[in-house]
C-alpha atoms as a PDB file:
ATOM      1  CA  UNK A   1       7.857  -9.953  10.769  1.00  0.00           C
ATOM      2  CA  UNK A   2       5.141 -12.007  12.291  1.00  0.00           C
ATOM      3  CA  UNK A   3       4.771 -10.196  15.610  1.00  0.00           C
ATOM      4  CA  UNK A   4       5.458  -6.628  14.514  1.00  0.00           C
ATOM      5  CA  UNK A   5       1.982  -5.389  15.458  1.00  0.00           C
ATOM      6  CA  UNK A   6       2.330  -6.768  18.995  1.00  0.00           C
ATOM      7  CA  UNK A   7       5.776  -5.196  19.391  1.00  0.00           C
ATOM      8  CA  UNK A   8       4.467  -1.847  18.200  1.00  0.00           C
ATOM      9  CA  UNK A   9       1.531  -2.039  20.613  1.00  0.00           C
ATOM     10  CA  UNK A  10       3.833  -2.811  23.552  1.00  0.00           C
ATOM     11  CA  UNK A  11       6.324  -0.095  22.635  1.00  0.00           C
ATOM     12  CA  UNK A  12       3.510   2.383  21.978  1.00  0.00           C
ATOM     13  CA  UNK A  13       1.945   1.713  25.373  1.00  0.00           C
ATOM     14  CA  UNK A  14       5.294   2.189  27.076  1.00  0.00           C
ATOM     15  CA  UNK A  15       5.962   5.363  25.091  1.00  0.00           C
ATOM     16  CA  UNK A  16       2.593   6.767  26.141  1.00  0.00           C
ATOM     17  CA  UNK A  17       3.369   5.928  29.780  1.00  0.00           C
ATOM     18  CA  UNK A  18       6.772   7.547  29.535  1.00  0.00           C
ATOM     19  CA  UNK A  19       5.352  10.683  27.919  1.00  0.00           C
ATOM     20  CA  UNK A  20       2.584  10.931  30.508  1.00  0.00           C
ATOM     21  CA  UNK A  21       5.115  10.600  33.311  1.00  0.00           C
ATOM     22  CA  UNK A  22       7.376  13.163  31.667  1.00  0.00           C
ATOM     23  CA  UNK A  23       4.623  15.701  31.057  1.00  0.00           C
ATOM     24  CA  UNK A  24       3.169  15.507  34.562  1.00  0.00           C
ATOM     25  CA  UNK A  25       6.572  15.855  36.199  1.00  0.00           C
ATOM     26  CA  UNK A  26       6.130  12.839  38.437  1.00  0.00           C
ATOM     27  CA  UNK A  27       8.653  10.095  38.976  1.00  0.00           C
ATOM     28  CA  UNK A  28       6.270   7.143  38.940  1.00  0.00           C
ATOM     29  CA  UNK A  29       7.138   5.398  35.699  1.00  0.00           C
ATOM     30  CA  UNK A  30       6.210   1.973  37.108  1.00  0.00           C
ATOM     31  CA  UNK A  31       2.679   3.103  37.983  1.00  0.00           C
ATOM     32  CA  UNK A  32       2.084   4.783  34.640  1.00  0.00           C
ATOM     33  CA  UNK A  33       3.526   1.772  32.820  1.00  0.00           C
ATOM     34  CA  UNK A  34       1.218  -0.547  34.726  1.00  0.00           C
ATOM     35  CA  UNK A  35      -1.840   1.578  33.969  1.00  0.00           C
ATOM     36  CA  UNK A  36      -0.869   1.866  30.324  1.00  0.00           C
ATOM     37  CA  UNK A  37      -0.205  -1.860  29.908  1.00  0.00           C
ATOM     38  CA  UNK A  38      -3.462  -2.936  31.550  1.00  0.00           C
ATOM     39  CA  UNK A  39      -5.419  -0.439  29.468  1.00  0.00           C
ATOM     40  CA  UNK A  40      -3.706  -1.618  26.280  1.00  0.00           C
ATOM     41  CA  UNK A  41      -4.763  -5.187  27.027  1.00  0.00           C
ATOM     42  CA  UNK A  42      -8.301  -3.976  27.721  1.00  0.00           C
ATOM     43  CA  UNK A  43      -8.311  -2.077  24.432  1.00  0.00           C
ATOM     44  CA  UNK A  44      -7.197  -5.214  22.610  1.00  0.00           C
ATOM     45  CA  UNK A  45      -9.926  -7.219  24.328  1.00  0.00           C
ATOM     46  CA  UNK A  46     -12.600  -4.712  23.381  1.00  0.00           C
ATOM     47  CA  UNK A  47     -11.488  -4.501  19.767  1.00  0.00           C
ATOM     48  CA  UNK A  48     -10.925  -8.184  19.086  1.00  0.00           C
ATOM     49  CA  UNK A  49     -13.204 -10.087  21.440  1.00  0.00           C
ATOM     50  CA  UNK A  50     -16.108  -7.778  22.355  1.00  0.00           C
ATOM     51  CA  UNK A  51     -16.859  -5.536  19.383  1.00  0.00           C
ATOM     52  CA  UNK A  52     -15.059  -7.647  16.751  1.00  0.00           C
ATOM     53  CA  UNK A  53     -13.903  -4.596  14.790  1.00  0.00           C
ATOM     54  CA  UNK A  54     -10.543  -6.175  14.064  1.00  0.00           C
ATOM     55  CA  UNK A  55      -8.541  -9.363  14.168  1.00  0.00           C
ATOM     56  CA  UNK A  56      -5.047 -10.162  15.319  1.00  0.00           C
ATOM     57  CA  UNK A  57      -4.010 -10.153  11.659  1.00  0.00           C
ATOM     58  CA  UNK A  58      -4.927  -6.476  11.218  1.00  0.00           C
ATOM     59  CA  UNK A  59      -3.778  -3.203  12.710  1.00  0.00           C
ATOM     60  CA  UNK A  60      -7.123  -1.931  14.010  1.00  0.00           C
ATOM     61  CA  UNK A  61      -6.638  -3.471  17.413  1.00  0.00           C
ATOM     62  CA  UNK A  62      -3.334  -1.623  17.855  1.00  0.00           C
ATOM     63  CA  UNK A  63      -5.134   1.702  17.490  1.00  0.00           C
ATOM     64  CA  UNK A  64      -7.788   0.574  19.954  1.00  0.00           C
ATOM     65  CA  UNK A  65      -5.202  -0.501  22.507  1.00  0.00           C
ATOM     66  CA  UNK A  66      -3.260   2.762  22.237  1.00  0.00           C
ATOM     67  CA  UNK A  67      -6.467   4.806  22.490  1.00  0.00           C
ATOM     68  CA  UNK A  68      -7.500   2.861  25.594  1.00  0.00           C
ATOM     69  CA  UNK A  69      -4.049   3.398  27.041  1.00  0.00           C
ATOM     70  CA  UNK A  70      -4.251   7.151  26.480  1.00  0.00           C
ATOM     71  CA  UNK A  71      -7.739   7.326  28.016  1.00  0.00           C
ATOM     72  CA  UNK A  72      -6.683   5.320  31.056  1.00  0.00           C
ATOM     73  CA  UNK A  73      -3.599   7.468  31.599  1.00  0.00           C
ATOM     74  CA  UNK A  74      -5.762  10.575  31.414  1.00  0.00           C
ATOM     75  CA  UNK A  75      -8.144   9.125  33.977  1.00  0.00           C
ATOM     76  CA  UNK A  76      -5.254   7.985  36.146  1.00  0.00           C
ATOM     77  CA  UNK A  77      -3.842  11.470  36.442  1.00  0.00           C
ATOM     78  CA  UNK A  78      -7.272  13.060  36.726  1.00  0.00           C
ATOM     79  CA  UNK A  79      -8.485  10.926  39.614  1.00  0.00           C
ATOM     80  CA  UNK A  80      -5.215  10.207  41.377  1.00  0.00           C
ATOM     81  CA  UNK A  81      -5.220  11.421  44.988  1.00  0.00           C
ATOM     82  CA  UNK A  82      -2.963  14.390  45.641  1.00  0.00           C
ATOM     83  CA  UNK A  83      -2.276  14.075  49.362  1.00  0.00           C
END
């Protein structure tokens, strides 16, 4: 499958968003999905375009995008206002 790595990155980012929403007990799946997706794209950009540690043919960028997604979700819940 030609685009398997992209599909796994997208599904992994959504799974991380869903787990973060589930663990925190909030009902904001759209917000966590948005944060996770943007961070996954940023992780891809850092891995492929900035640091050049991987290419689109490899799997290194998938790990970078999922790590960036997890870090962004952690920051999102850490710094989110709690009215």
